[in-house]
Amino acid sequence: MLEHFRNLLQARRVDRDEAGASAVEYGLLVAGIAALIVAVIFLFGGMIKNTFSDTCTTIQSGQTSTAGHTSSACS
């Protein structure tokens, strides 16, 4: 009888489905990447906006250098 229970327990260990665990791991990975993207956009968004605004202003005015130049929004 004890041997029968051992065989049942061994069969349950072998047949254990780990697809749910993999899905949770992938979900956590996607959530971490999404949080990282949001943090990077939040931290560097203003700097990137200013860089594009400076470039747009330079192109519109025909200047070659923008050292110390404060920009306005392009239209």
C-alpha atoms as a PDB file:
ATOM      1  CA  MET A   1       0.000   0.000   0.000  1.00  0.00           C
ATOM      2  CA  LEU A   2       2.809   2.389   0.895  1.00  0.00           C
ATOM      3  CA  GLU A   3       4.479   1.617  -2.420  1.00  0.00           C
ATOM      4  CA  HIS A   4       1.278   2.606  -4.222  1.00  0.00           C
ATOM      5  CA  PHE A   5       1.267   6.041  -2.544  1.00  0.00           C
ATOM      6  CA  ARG A   6       4.915   6.562  -3.426  1.00  0.00           C
ATOM      7  CA  ASN A   7       4.162   5.789  -7.065  1.00  0.00           C
ATOM      8  CA  LEU A   8       1.241   8.242  -7.059  1.00  0.00           C
ATOM      9  CA  LEU A   9       3.338  11.010  -5.530  1.00  0.00           C
ATOM     10  CA  GLN A  10       6.173  10.386  -7.980  1.00  0.00           C
ATOM     11  CA  ALA A  11       3.746  10.502 -10.921  1.00  0.00           C
ATOM     12  CA  ARG A  12       2.339  13.828  -9.725  1.00  0.00           C
ATOM     13  CA  ARG A  13       5.820  15.344  -9.496  1.00  0.00           C
ATOM     14  CA  VAL A  14       6.726  14.250 -13.023  1.00  0.00           C
ATOM     15  CA  ASP A  15       3.447  15.380 -14.619  1.00  0.00           C
ATOM     16  CA  ARG A  16       3.438  18.785 -12.961  1.00  0.00           C
ATOM     17  CA  ASP A  17       2.600  21.509 -15.492  1.00  0.00           C
ATOM     18  CA  GLU A  18       4.834  24.561 -15.231  1.00  0.00           C
ATOM     19  CA  ALA A  19       3.266  26.578 -18.055  1.00  0.00           C
ATOM     20  CA  GLY A  20       1.546  28.847 -15.541  1.00  0.00           C
ATOM     21  CA  ALA A  21       4.843  29.659 -13.864  1.00  0.00           C
ATOM     22  CA  SER A  22       6.391  30.543 -17.211  1.00  0.00           C
ATOM     23  CA  ALA A  23       3.480  32.841 -18.036  1.00  0.00           C
ATOM     24  CA  VAL A  24       3.889  34.639 -14.705  1.00  0.00           C
ATOM     25  CA  GLU A  25       7.615  35.057 -15.297  1.00  0.00           C
ATOM     26  CA  TYR A  26       7.029  36.505 -18.762  1.00  0.00           C
ATOM     27  CA  GLY A  27       4.368  38.807 -17.343  1.00  0.00           C
ATOM     28  CA  LEU A  28       6.765  40.112 -14.707  1.00  0.00           C
ATOM     29  CA  LEU A  29       9.435  40.601 -17.354  1.00  0.00           C
ATOM     30  CA  VAL A  30       7.055  42.607 -19.565  1.00  0.00           C
ATOM     31  CA  ALA A  31       5.913  44.691 -16.586  1.00  0.00           C
ATOM     32  CA  GLY A  32       9.534  45.452 -15.661  1.00  0.00           C
ATOM     33  CA  ILE A  33      10.397  46.518 -19.203  1.00  0.00           C
ATOM     34  CA  ALA A  34       7.285  48.718 -19.359  1.00  0.00           C
ATOM     35  CA  ALA A  35       8.208  50.363 -16.046  1.00  0.00           C
ATOM     36  CA  LEU A  36      11.735  50.985 -17.324  1.00  0.00           C
ATOM     37  CA  ILE A  37      10.423  52.616 -20.515  1.00  0.00           C
ATOM     38  CA  VAL A  38       8.095  54.866 -18.516  1.00  0.00           C
ATOM     39  CA  ALA A  39      10.928  55.878 -16.173  1.00  0.00           C
ATOM     40  CA  VAL A  40      13.295  56.702 -19.056  1.00  0.00           C
ATOM     41  CA  ILE A  41      10.653  58.783 -20.823  1.00  0.00           C
ATOM     42  CA  PHE A  42       9.814  60.584 -17.588  1.00  0.00           C
ATOM     43  CA  LEU A  43      13.459  61.297 -16.732  1.00  0.00           C
ATOM     44  CA  PHE A  44      14.742  62.244 -20.191  1.00  0.00           C
ATOM     45  CA  GLY A  45      11.550  63.514 -21.859  1.00  0.00           C
ATOM     46  CA  GLY A  46      12.192  67.201 -21.154  1.00  0.00           C
ATOM     47  CA  MET A  47      15.782  67.025 -22.351  1.00  0.00           C
ATOM     48  CA  ILE A  48      14.770  65.284 -25.577  1.00  0.00           C
ATOM     49  CA  LYS A  49      11.975  67.816 -26.177  1.00  0.00           C
ATOM     50  CA  ASN A  50      14.402  70.703 -25.723  1.00  0.00           C
ATOM     51  CA  THR A  51      16.919  69.107 -28.087  1.00  0.00           C
ATOM     52  CA  PHE A  52      14.312  68.723 -30.826  1.00  0.00           C
ATOM     53  CA  SER A  53      13.027  72.258 -30.226  1.00  0.00           C
ATOM     54  CA  ASP A  54      16.568  73.667 -30.473  1.00  0.00           C
ATOM     55  CA  THR A  55      17.165  71.735 -33.680  1.00  0.00           C
ATOM     56  CA  CYS A  56      13.897  72.918 -35.183  1.00  0.00           C
ATOM     57  CA  THR A  57      14.604  76.533 -34.236  1.00  0.00           C
ATOM     58  CA  THR A  58      18.103  76.308 -35.711  1.00  0.00           C
ATOM     59  CA  ILE A  59      16.773  74.931 -38.978  1.00  0.00           C
ATOM     60  CA  GLN A  60      14.093  77.608 -39.196  1.00  0.00           C
ATOM     61  CA  SER A  61      16.519  80.466 -38.477  1.00  0.00           C
ATOM     62  CA  GLY A  62      19.374  79.087 -40.623  1.00  0.00           C
ATOM     63  CA  GLN A  63      21.967  79.296 -37.813  1.00  0.00           C
ATOM     64  CA  THR A  64      24.902  76.898 -37.602  1.00  0.00           C
ATOM     65  CA  SER A  65      25.417  76.935 -33.803  1.00  0.00           C
ATOM     66  CA  THR A  66      23.008  77.175 -30.860  1.00  0.00           C
ATOM     67  CA  ALA A  67      25.449  77.631 -27.965  1.00  0.00           C
ATOM     68  CA  GLY A  68      23.527  79.258 -25.110  1.00  0.00           C
ATOM     69  CA  HIS A  69      20.411  79.515 -27.267  1.00  0.00           C
ATOM     70  CA  THR A  70      17.018  79.094 -25.620  1.00  0.00           C
ATOM     71  CA  SER A  71      14.465  77.588 -27.911  1.00  0.00           C
ATOM     72  CA  SER A  72      10.807  78.066 -28.554  1.00  0.00           C
ATOM     73  CA  ALA A  73       8.351  75.520 -29.847  1.00  0.00           C
ATOM     74  CA  CYS A  74       8.354  74.888 -33.586  1.00  0.00           C
ATOM     75  CA  SER A  75       5.145  75.311 -35.478  1.00  0.00           C
END
